[in-house]
Amino acid sequence: MYYNHRLYFISTAMENWTASRDDCLERDADLIVINSREEQLCCHDNRYHYYLKQEFVSMLGGTYWIGLSKRDPEGTWKWVDGTNMTNMTSSFWLPGEPSDNYGAENCAVKLERGGPWRGPVGRGPSGRRSGGRLSEGRGQLVRELGMDWMDGSCAELFPWICEKAPGPGSSEQRGSVDFV
């Protein structure tokens, strides 16, 4: 998929965060780094929305890995390109997120707009989310504002999105070649 001078690969397989990133690197890309509100919403508001909705809503409610984690020794949320999360992008977390689950949730996932969202309703004694969903009206408002990130265990299995810049002068710049 080509959007705003970037190429995106949308996985239909499911892997943990590390294996997902390795797959992107093998494609001369990396997990998606979301730098702007436009990029945050691109997967929802462009002509590929129907495809994305069909693919991701059918897989775990449309949850997929992005290139944000806090795996460094300082425990700071950083993108795979080494940049820190900005104030603007920190507004994309769902209410109550990142929840951290006692240090067990160090990688970020993004929800497709049509997908379900559970929480924030707290954690039970085992540290697991204690069920629940947003009301439909509130959930829709949260998603329309672009707030759809959650933290999760890096060992969980989700699809992922890779991102790369097309090479200079390549046909990829015109979007005529699929990124596979």
N, C-alpha and C. Protein backbone atom coordinates (compact mmCIF):
# COMPACT_ATOMS: atom_id res chain seq x y z
N MET A 1 0.84 -1.16 0.00
CA MET A 1 0.00 0.00 0.00
C MET A 1 0.90 1.24 0.00
N TYR A 2 0.59 2.20 -0.82
CA TYR A 2 1.35 3.44 -0.92
C TYR A 2 0.53 4.57 -0.33
N TYR A 3 1.13 5.35 0.58
CA TYR A 3 0.44 6.49 1.18
C TYR A 3 1.46 7.54 1.56
N ASN A 4 1.26 8.76 1.10
CA ASN A 4 2.08 9.91 1.51
C ASN A 4 3.58 9.63 1.39
N HIS A 5 4.00 9.13 0.25
CA HIS A 5 5.41 8.87 -0.06
C HIS A 5 6.03 7.76 0.78
N ARG A 6 5.22 6.89 1.32
CA ARG A 6 5.71 5.74 2.09
C ARG A 6 5.00 4.49 1.58
N LEU A 7 5.68 3.36 1.72
CA LEU A 7 5.10 2.06 1.37
C LEU A 7 4.81 1.30 2.66
N TYR A 8 3.67 0.62 2.69
CA TYR A 8 3.25 -0.13 3.86
C TYR A 8 2.94 -1.56 3.45
N PHE A 9 3.42 -2.50 4.25
CA PHE A 9 3.08 -3.91 4.08
C PHE A 9 2.20 -4.29 5.26
N ILE A 10 1.07 -4.89 4.98
CA ILE A 10 0.14 -5.28 6.02
C ILE A 10 0.12 -6.80 6.10
N SER A 11 0.61 -7.33 7.19
CA SER A 11 0.71 -8.77 7.37
C SER A 11 -0.67 -9.40 7.56
N THR A 12 -0.80 -10.61 7.08
CA THR A 12 -1.98 -11.41 7.43
C THR A 12 -1.58 -12.58 8.33
N ALA A 13 -0.28 -12.77 8.53
CA ALA A 13 0.22 -13.78 9.48
C ALA A 13 0.18 -13.17 10.88
N MET A 14 0.45 -13.99 11.89
CA MET A 14 0.50 -13.51 13.26
C MET A 14 1.80 -13.98 13.90
N GLU A 15 2.52 -13.03 14.49
CA GLU A 15 3.79 -13.31 15.16
C GLU A 15 3.88 -12.44 16.41
N ASN A 16 4.91 -12.73 17.25
CA ASN A 16 5.17 -11.83 18.37
C ASN A 16 5.85 -10.57 17.84
N TRP A 17 6.07 -9.59 18.71
CA TRP A 17 6.59 -8.30 18.27
C TRP A 17 7.97 -8.45 17.63
N THR A 18 8.86 -9.23 18.25
CA THR A 18 10.23 -9.39 17.73
C THR A 18 10.23 -10.06 16.37
N ALA A 19 9.48 -11.14 16.22
CA ALA A 19 9.41 -11.83 14.92
C ALA A 19 8.77 -10.94 13.86
N SER A 20 7.80 -10.13 14.27
CA SER A 20 7.17 -9.19 13.33
C SER A 20 8.19 -8.17 12.84
N ARG A 21 8.97 -7.64 13.77
CA ARG A 21 10.00 -6.68 13.37
C ARG A 21 11.04 -7.35 12.47
N ASP A 22 11.45 -8.57 12.80
CA ASP A 22 12.41 -9.29 11.96
C ASP A 22 11.88 -9.45 10.54
N ASP A 23 10.59 -9.74 10.40
CA ASP A 23 10.00 -9.87 9.07
C ASP A 23 10.10 -8.55 8.31
N CYS A 24 9.81 -7.46 8.98
CA CYS A 24 9.93 -6.14 8.32
C CYS A 24 11.37 -5.88 7.89
N LEU A 25 12.32 -6.16 8.76
CA LEU A 25 13.73 -5.92 8.43
C LEU A 25 14.16 -6.76 7.24
N GLU A 26 13.65 -7.99 7.13
CA GLU A 26 13.96 -8.82 5.96
C GLU A 26 13.41 -8.21 4.67
N ARG A 27 12.43 -7.36 4.78
CA ARG A 27 11.83 -6.68 3.63
C ARG A 27 12.47 -5.30 3.40
N ASP A 28 13.62 -5.04 4.05
CA ASP A 28 14.27 -3.73 3.99
C ASP A 28 13.34 -2.63 4.46
N ALA A 29 12.59 -2.92 5.51
CA ALA A 29 11.63 -1.98 6.10
C ALA A 29 11.74 -2.10 7.62
N ASP A 30 10.79 -1.54 8.34
CA ASP A 30 10.71 -1.72 9.78
C ASP A 30 9.25 -1.60 10.18
N LEU A 31 8.94 -1.96 11.42
CA LEU A 31 7.58 -1.77 11.89
C LEU A 31 7.22 -0.29 11.76
N ILE A 32 5.95 -0.01 11.52
CA ILE A 32 5.50 1.35 11.26
C ILE A 32 5.83 2.29 12.42
N VAL A 33 6.35 3.46 12.08
CA VAL A 33 6.58 4.56 13.02
C VAL A 33 5.54 5.62 12.68
N ILE A 34 4.68 5.92 13.62
CA ILE A 34 3.59 6.87 13.38
C ILE A 34 4.04 8.25 13.83
N ASN A 35 4.28 9.13 12.84
CA ASN A 35 4.85 10.45 13.11
C ASN A 35 3.83 11.57 13.14
N SER A 36 2.61 11.31 12.71
CA SER A 36 1.63 12.39 12.59
C SER A 36 0.22 11.84 12.73
N ARG A 37 -0.71 12.74 12.96
CA ARG A 37 -2.12 12.35 13.02
C ARG A 37 -2.57 11.78 11.68
N GLU A 38 -2.06 12.33 10.58
CA GLU A 38 -2.43 11.84 9.25
C GLU A 38 -2.01 10.38 9.07
N GLU A 39 -0.79 10.08 9.51
CA GLU A 39 -0.32 8.69 9.40
C GLU A 39 -1.10 7.78 10.35
N GLN A 40 -1.43 8.29 11.53
CA GLN A 40 -2.23 7.53 12.48
C GLN A 40 -3.57 7.13 11.86
N LEU A 41 -4.16 8.04 11.11
CA LEU A 41 -5.48 7.79 10.53
C LEU A 41 -5.43 7.20 9.13
N CYS A 42 -4.24 7.12 8.52
CA CYS A 42 -4.16 6.72 7.11
C CYS A 42 -4.80 5.36 6.86
N CYS A 43 -4.63 4.45 7.75
CA CYS A 43 -5.17 3.10 7.53
C CYS A 43 -6.68 3.07 7.67
N HIS A 44 -7.26 4.13 8.21
CA HIS A 44 -8.71 4.17 8.38
C HIS A 44 -9.39 4.97 7.28
N ASP A 45 -8.73 6.01 6.77
CA ASP A 45 -9.44 7.00 5.97
C ASP A 45 -9.08 7.01 4.49
N ASN A 46 -8.26 6.10 4.02
CA ASN A 46 -7.94 6.13 2.59
C ASN A 46 -8.69 5.05 1.84
N ARG A 47 -8.40 4.92 0.58
CA ARG A 47 -9.15 3.98 -0.27
C ARG A 47 -8.92 2.53 0.10
N TYR A 48 -7.95 2.23 0.93
CA TYR A 48 -7.67 0.85 1.34
C TYR A 48 -8.44 0.46 2.60
N HIS A 49 -9.24 1.39 3.11
CA HIS A 49 -9.94 1.13 4.37
C HIS A 49 -10.76 -0.16 4.31
N TYR A 50 -11.48 -0.39 3.23
CA TYR A 50 -12.31 -1.59 3.15
C TYR A 50 -11.46 -2.85 3.28
N TYR A 51 -10.32 -2.89 2.57
CA TYR A 51 -9.42 -4.03 2.64
C TYR A 51 -8.94 -4.23 4.07
N LEU A 52 -8.48 -3.14 4.69
CA LEU A 52 -7.96 -3.24 6.05
C LEU A 52 -9.03 -3.74 7.01
N LYS A 53 -10.21 -3.19 6.90
CA LYS A 53 -11.28 -3.60 7.80
C LYS A 53 -11.57 -5.08 7.65
N GLN A 54 -11.65 -5.56 6.42
CA GLN A 54 -11.93 -6.98 6.20
C GLN A 54 -10.82 -7.85 6.78
N GLU A 55 -9.56 -7.44 6.58
CA GLU A 55 -8.44 -8.25 7.06
C GLU A 55 -8.33 -8.23 8.57
N PHE A 56 -8.38 -7.04 9.19
CA PHE A 56 -8.04 -6.93 10.59
C PHE A 56 -9.18 -7.13 11.55
N VAL A 57 -10.38 -6.75 11.19
CA VAL A 57 -11.49 -6.98 12.09
C VAL A 57 -11.72 -8.47 12.26
N SER A 58 -11.40 -9.23 11.24
CA SER A 58 -11.57 -10.68 11.34
C SER A 58 -10.45 -11.33 12.15
N MET A 59 -9.36 -10.64 12.40
CA MET A 59 -8.25 -11.20 13.17
C MET A 59 -8.13 -10.48 14.51
N LEU A 60 -8.57 -11.10 15.56
CA LEU A 60 -8.44 -10.56 16.92
C LEU A 60 -8.97 -9.14 17.02
N GLY A 61 -10.05 -8.85 16.35
CA GLY A 61 -10.64 -7.53 16.46
C GLY A 61 -9.84 -6.46 15.78
N GLY A 62 -8.90 -6.81 14.93
CA GLY A 62 -8.16 -5.80 14.20
C GLY A 62 -6.96 -5.24 14.94
N THR A 63 -6.36 -5.99 15.82
CA THR A 63 -5.20 -5.54 16.57
C THR A 63 -3.92 -5.90 15.82
N TYR A 64 -2.97 -4.94 15.68
CA TYR A 64 -1.72 -5.26 15.01
C TYR A 64 -0.56 -4.48 15.61
N TRP A 65 0.64 -5.05 15.47
CA TRP A 65 1.85 -4.45 16.04
C TRP A 65 2.24 -3.18 15.29
N ILE A 66 2.73 -2.20 16.07
CA ILE A 66 3.37 -1.01 15.51
C ILE A 66 4.78 -0.95 16.09
N GLY A 67 5.61 -0.06 15.59
CA GLY A 67 7.02 -0.03 15.96
C GLY A 67 7.33 0.76 17.22
N LEU A 68 6.51 0.63 18.24
CA LEU A 68 6.69 1.36 19.49
C LEU A 68 6.82 0.36 20.62
N SER A 69 7.88 0.54 21.44
CA SER A 69 8.07 -0.36 22.58
C SER A 69 8.85 0.36 23.66
N LYS A 70 8.90 -0.24 24.82
CA LYS A 70 9.74 0.28 25.91
C LYS A 70 10.66 -0.83 26.39
N ARG A 71 11.41 -1.35 25.45
CA ARG A 71 12.30 -2.48 25.72
C ARG A 71 13.71 -2.04 26.11
N ASP A 72 13.97 -0.74 26.11
CA ASP A 72 15.30 -0.27 26.48
C ASP A 72 15.42 -0.26 28.01
N PRO A 73 16.65 -0.19 28.54
CA PRO A 73 16.85 -0.26 29.99
C PRO A 73 16.16 0.86 30.77
N GLU A 74 15.95 2.03 30.14
CA GLU A 74 15.30 3.14 30.84
C GLU A 74 13.79 2.95 30.96
N GLY A 75 13.22 2.04 30.17
CA GLY A 75 11.78 1.84 30.20
C GLY A 75 11.00 2.96 29.54
N THR A 76 11.63 3.66 28.59
CA THR A 76 10.99 4.76 27.87
C THR A 76 10.36 4.23 26.59
N TRP A 77 9.16 4.71 26.27
CA TRP A 77 8.52 4.31 25.01
C TRP A 77 9.28 4.95 23.86
N LYS A 78 9.83 4.11 22.98
CA LYS A 78 10.60 4.58 21.82
C LYS A 78 10.15 3.86 20.57
N TRP A 79 10.32 4.56 19.46
CA TRP A 79 10.04 3.97 18.15
C TRP A 79 11.23 3.14 17.69
N VAL A 80 11.01 2.25 16.74
CA VAL A 80 12.09 1.40 16.24
C VAL A 80 13.20 2.19 15.58
N ASP A 81 12.94 3.44 15.16
CA ASP A 81 14.00 4.27 14.59
C ASP A 81 14.80 5.00 15.66
N GLY A 82 14.52 4.73 16.95
CA GLY A 82 15.26 5.30 18.06
C GLY A 82 14.69 6.59 18.61
N THR A 83 13.67 7.15 17.98
CA THR A 83 13.09 8.41 18.46
C THR A 83 12.11 8.13 19.60
N ASN A 84 12.02 9.12 20.49
CA ASN A 84 11.06 9.03 21.59
C ASN A 84 9.66 9.33 21.09
N MET A 85 8.68 8.83 21.79
CA MET A 85 7.30 9.16 21.49
C MET A 85 7.10 10.64 21.82
N THR A 86 6.42 11.37 20.95
CA THR A 86 6.20 12.80 21.17
C THR A 86 4.89 13.03 21.92
N ASN A 87 4.70 14.27 22.39
CA ASN A 87 3.44 14.60 23.06
C ASN A 87 2.26 14.37 22.13
N MET A 88 2.43 14.72 20.85
CA MET A 88 1.35 14.54 19.90
C MET A 88 0.99 13.07 19.76
N THR A 89 1.99 12.22 19.56
CA THR A 89 1.67 10.80 19.36
C THR A 89 1.24 10.13 20.66
N SER A 90 1.64 10.68 21.81
CA SER A 90 1.20 10.06 23.07
C SER A 90 -0.30 10.20 23.26
N SER A 91 -0.94 11.10 22.52
CA SER A 91 -2.39 11.26 22.63
C SER A 91 -3.15 10.15 21.91
N PHE A 92 -2.45 9.23 21.24
CA PHE A 92 -3.12 8.15 20.52
C PHE A 92 -3.42 6.93 21.38
N TRP A 93 -2.95 6.93 22.63
CA TRP A 93 -3.26 5.82 23.53
C TRP A 93 -4.75 5.84 23.87
N LEU A 94 -5.34 4.66 23.98
CA LEU A 94 -6.70 4.55 24.50
C LEU A 94 -6.72 5.03 25.94
N PRO A 95 -7.86 5.50 26.44
CA PRO A 95 -7.93 5.89 27.85
C PRO A 95 -7.51 4.73 28.75
N GLY A 96 -6.67 5.03 29.74
CA GLY A 96 -6.17 4.01 30.65
C GLY A 96 -4.95 3.26 30.15
N GLU A 97 -4.50 3.58 28.94
CA GLU A 97 -3.32 2.94 28.36
C GLU A 97 -2.19 3.97 28.25
N PRO A 98 -0.94 3.58 28.31
CA PRO A 98 -0.47 2.22 28.54
C PRO A 98 -0.68 1.82 30.00
N SER A 99 -1.13 0.61 30.20
CA SER A 99 -1.45 0.14 31.55
C SER A 99 -0.30 -0.63 32.19
N ASP A 100 0.60 -1.16 31.40
CA ASP A 100 1.84 -1.81 31.82
C ASP A 100 1.66 -3.20 32.44
N ASN A 101 0.54 -3.50 33.05
CA ASN A 101 0.31 -4.82 33.63
C ASN A 101 1.51 -5.32 34.43
N TYR A 102 1.93 -4.53 35.40
CA TYR A 102 3.03 -4.89 36.30
C TYR A 102 4.33 -5.16 35.54
N GLY A 103 4.59 -4.37 34.53
CA GLY A 103 5.83 -4.49 33.78
C GLY A 103 5.81 -5.53 32.68
N ALA A 104 4.66 -6.15 32.44
CA ALA A 104 4.59 -7.25 31.46
C ALA A 104 4.17 -6.79 30.07
N GLU A 105 3.80 -5.52 29.90
CA GLU A 105 3.31 -5.04 28.61
C GLU A 105 4.25 -3.94 28.09
N ASN A 106 5.16 -4.33 27.22
CA ASN A 106 6.21 -3.43 26.77
C ASN A 106 6.19 -3.12 25.28
N CYS A 107 5.19 -3.60 24.56
CA CYS A 107 5.09 -3.35 23.12
C CYS A 107 3.70 -2.81 22.81
N ALA A 108 3.63 -1.94 21.79
CA ALA A 108 2.36 -1.28 21.48
C ALA A 108 1.65 -1.94 20.31
N VAL A 109 0.33 -1.98 20.41
CA VAL A 109 -0.53 -2.45 19.34
C VAL A 109 -1.52 -1.35 18.98
N LYS A 110 -1.99 -1.41 17.75
CA LYS A 110 -2.95 -0.44 17.23
C LYS A 110 -4.21 -1.21 16.85
N LEU A 111 -5.37 -0.64 17.15
CA LEU A 111 -6.64 -1.27 16.81
C LEU A 111 -7.21 -0.65 15.54
N GLU A 112 -7.75 -1.45 14.67
CA GLU A 112 -8.47 -0.96 13.48
C GLU A 112 -9.78 -0.34 13.97
N ARG A 113 -10.20 0.74 13.36
CA ARG A 113 -11.35 1.51 13.83
C ARG A 113 -12.60 0.66 14.05
N GLY A 114 -12.87 -0.30 13.22
CA GLY A 114 -14.07 -1.10 13.37
C GLY A 114 -13.95 -2.21 14.40
N GLY A 115 -12.76 -2.40 14.96
CA GLY A 115 -12.55 -3.52 15.87
C GLY A 115 -13.04 -3.25 17.27
N PRO A 116 -13.25 -4.30 18.04
CA PRO A 116 -13.70 -4.15 19.41
C PRO A 116 -12.57 -3.67 20.31
N TRP A 117 -12.92 -3.11 21.42
CA TRP A 117 -11.92 -2.68 22.39
C TRP A 117 -12.41 -3.06 23.77
N ARG A 118 -11.57 -3.70 24.54
CA ARG A 118 -11.93 -4.06 25.90
C ARG A 118 -11.19 -3.14 26.85
N GLY A 119 -11.83 -2.65 27.87
CA GLY A 119 -11.21 -1.80 28.86
C GLY A 119 -11.49 -0.34 28.60
N PRO A 120 -10.97 0.62 29.41
CA PRO A 120 -10.21 0.32 30.61
C PRO A 120 -11.14 0.04 31.77
N VAL A 121 -11.10 -1.13 32.27
CA VAL A 121 -11.95 -1.50 33.39
C VAL A 121 -11.14 -2.05 34.56
N GLY A 122 -9.84 -1.93 34.49
CA GLY A 122 -8.99 -2.35 35.58
C GLY A 122 -8.40 -3.73 35.38
N ARG A 123 -7.67 -4.16 36.38
CA ARG A 123 -6.97 -5.44 36.35
C ARG A 123 -7.43 -6.26 37.54
N GLY A 124 -7.57 -7.54 37.31
CA GLY A 124 -7.89 -8.44 38.40
C GLY A 124 -6.64 -8.79 39.18
N PRO A 125 -6.77 -9.60 40.23
CA PRO A 125 -5.62 -9.97 41.06
C PRO A 125 -4.53 -10.69 40.28
N SER A 126 -4.91 -11.37 39.20
CA SER A 126 -3.90 -12.08 38.41
C SER A 126 -3.16 -11.14 37.47
N GLY A 127 -3.61 -9.87 37.40
CA GLY A 127 -2.98 -8.93 36.48
C GLY A 127 -3.66 -8.90 35.13
N ARG A 128 -4.66 -9.75 34.91
CA ARG A 128 -5.36 -9.77 33.63
C ARG A 128 -6.42 -8.68 33.61
N ARG A 129 -6.73 -8.22 32.40
CA ARG A 129 -7.81 -7.26 32.25
C ARG A 129 -9.09 -7.92 32.75
N SER A 130 -9.89 -7.14 33.46
CA SER A 130 -11.09 -7.72 34.06
C SER A 130 -12.33 -7.47 33.20
N GLY A 131 -12.23 -7.82 31.92
CA GLY A 131 -13.37 -7.80 31.02
C GLY A 131 -13.89 -6.43 30.69
N GLY A 132 -15.04 -6.39 30.01
CA GLY A 132 -15.70 -5.14 29.73
C GLY A 132 -15.37 -4.56 28.37
N ARG A 133 -16.18 -3.60 27.97
CA ARG A 133 -16.01 -2.87 26.72
C ARG A 133 -16.47 -1.45 26.93
N LEU A 134 -16.04 -0.56 26.07
CA LEU A 134 -16.60 0.78 26.06
C LEU A 134 -18.01 0.71 25.52
N SER A 135 -18.85 1.63 25.96
CA SER A 135 -20.16 1.73 25.32
C SER A 135 -19.92 2.06 23.85
N GLU A 136 -20.83 1.66 22.98
CA GLU A 136 -20.63 1.87 21.54
C GLU A 136 -20.39 3.34 21.22
N GLY A 137 -21.19 4.25 21.81
CA GLY A 137 -21.03 5.67 21.52
C GLY A 137 -19.67 6.19 21.96
N ARG A 138 -19.27 5.87 23.18
CA ARG A 138 -17.97 6.34 23.68
C ARG A 138 -16.83 5.69 22.91
N GLY A 139 -16.96 4.41 22.61
CA GLY A 139 -15.92 3.73 21.86
C GLY A 139 -15.73 4.33 20.48
N GLN A 140 -16.81 4.67 19.80
CA GLN A 140 -16.71 5.29 18.48
C GLN A 140 -16.03 6.65 18.58
N LEU A 141 -16.38 7.46 19.58
CA LEU A 141 -15.75 8.77 19.74
C LEU A 141 -14.25 8.62 19.97
N VAL A 142 -13.87 7.71 20.84
CA VAL A 142 -12.45 7.48 21.12
C VAL A 142 -11.71 7.10 19.84
N ARG A 143 -12.28 6.20 19.05
CA ARG A 143 -11.63 5.78 17.81
C ARG A 143 -11.60 6.90 16.78
N GLU A 144 -12.65 7.71 16.69
CA GLU A 144 -12.66 8.81 15.73
C GLU A 144 -11.60 9.85 16.07
N LEU A 145 -11.27 10.00 17.34
CA LEU A 145 -10.22 10.93 17.75
C LEU A 145 -8.83 10.37 17.47
N GLY A 146 -8.76 9.15 16.98
CA GLY A 146 -7.47 8.54 16.67
C GLY A 146 -6.81 7.89 17.86
N MET A 147 -7.56 7.66 18.92
CA MET A 147 -7.00 7.04 20.12
C MET A 147 -7.26 5.55 20.03
N ASP A 148 -6.24 4.80 19.61
CA ASP A 148 -6.48 3.37 19.44
C ASP A 148 -5.24 2.53 19.69
N TRP A 149 -4.34 3.00 20.56
CA TRP A 149 -3.17 2.20 20.92
C TRP A 149 -3.39 1.57 22.29
N MET A 150 -2.84 0.38 22.44
CA MET A 150 -2.79 -0.31 23.73
C MET A 150 -1.39 -0.89 23.88
N ASP A 151 -0.96 -1.09 25.13
CA ASP A 151 0.26 -1.84 25.33
C ASP A 151 -0.11 -3.31 25.53
N GLY A 152 0.80 -4.17 25.13
CA GLY A 152 0.56 -5.60 25.26
C GLY A 152 1.87 -6.33 25.51
N SER A 153 1.77 -7.58 25.88
CA SER A 153 2.95 -8.40 26.04
C SER A 153 3.60 -8.60 24.67
N CYS A 154 4.90 -8.40 24.59
CA CYS A 154 5.63 -8.55 23.32
C CYS A 154 5.56 -9.99 22.80
N ALA A 155 5.17 -10.93 23.66
CA ALA A 155 5.08 -12.34 23.26
C ALA A 155 3.74 -12.69 22.62
N GLU A 156 2.75 -11.80 22.72
CA GLU A 156 1.45 -12.08 22.10
C GLU A 156 1.60 -12.15 20.59
N LEU A 157 0.67 -12.81 19.94
CA LEU A 157 0.70 -12.98 18.49
C LEU A 157 -0.33 -12.08 17.83
N PHE A 158 0.15 -11.18 16.95
CA PHE A 158 -0.72 -10.27 16.20
C PHE A 158 -0.14 -10.10 14.81
N PRO A 159 -0.97 -9.67 13.85
CA PRO A 159 -0.43 -9.21 12.57
C PRO A 159 0.35 -7.92 12.79
N TRP A 160 1.02 -7.41 11.77
CA TRP A 160 1.84 -6.22 11.91
C TRP A 160 1.82 -5.41 10.63
N ILE A 161 2.34 -4.17 10.75
CA ILE A 161 2.47 -3.29 9.58
C ILE A 161 3.92 -2.86 9.46
N CYS A 162 4.51 -3.11 8.30
CA CYS A 162 5.86 -2.64 7.98
C CYS A 162 5.74 -1.34 7.18
N GLU A 163 6.78 -0.52 7.28
CA GLU A 163 6.81 0.76 6.56
C GLU A 163 8.21 0.97 5.98
N LYS A 164 8.26 1.53 4.78
CA LYS A 164 9.55 1.92 4.22
C LYS A 164 9.35 3.04 3.21
N ALA A 165 10.45 3.76 2.98
CA ALA A 165 10.44 4.79 1.93
C ALA A 165 10.82 4.11 0.63
N PRO A 166 10.15 4.43 -0.47
CA PRO A 166 10.53 3.84 -1.75
C PRO A 166 11.90 4.35 -2.18
N GLY A 167 12.63 3.53 -2.92
CA GLY A 167 13.94 3.92 -3.41
C GLY A 167 13.83 5.05 -4.43
N PRO A 168 14.86 5.90 -4.53
CA PRO A 168 14.82 7.02 -5.48
C PRO A 168 14.67 6.53 -6.92
N GLY A 169 13.73 7.13 -7.63
CA GLY A 169 13.53 6.81 -9.04
C GLY A 169 12.84 5.49 -9.30
N SER A 170 12.46 4.78 -8.24
CA SER A 170 11.83 3.47 -8.45
C SER A 170 10.36 3.62 -8.79
N SER A 171 9.82 2.58 -9.39
CA SER A 171 8.39 2.61 -9.70
C SER A 171 7.56 2.58 -8.42
N GLU A 172 8.18 2.15 -7.30
CA GLU A 172 7.48 2.14 -6.03
C GLU A 172 7.03 3.54 -5.63
N GLN A 173 7.80 4.57 -6.05
CA GLN A 173 7.43 5.93 -5.69
C GLN A 173 6.09 6.32 -6.28
N ARG A 174 5.72 5.74 -7.37
CA ARG A 174 4.44 6.05 -8.00
C ARG A 174 3.35 5.09 -7.54
N GLY A 175 3.70 4.17 -6.66
CA GLY A 175 2.72 3.25 -6.12
C GLY A 175 2.33 2.14 -7.08
N SER A 176 3.12 1.92 -8.13
CA SER A 176 2.73 0.93 -9.12
C SER A 176 3.23 -0.47 -8.80
N VAL A 177 4.05 -0.60 -7.78
CA VAL A 177 4.57 -1.91 -7.39
C VAL A 177 4.13 -2.19 -5.96
N ASP A 178 3.58 -3.36 -5.74
CA ASP A 178 3.17 -3.74 -4.39
C ASP A 178 4.41 -3.99 -3.55
N PHE A 179 4.31 -3.66 -2.28
CA PHE A 179 5.36 -3.90 -1.30
C PHE A 179 5.03 -5.26 -0.69
N VAL A 180 5.82 -6.29 -1.08
CA VAL A 180 5.54 -7.64 -0.59
C VAL A 180 6.79 -8.26 0.00
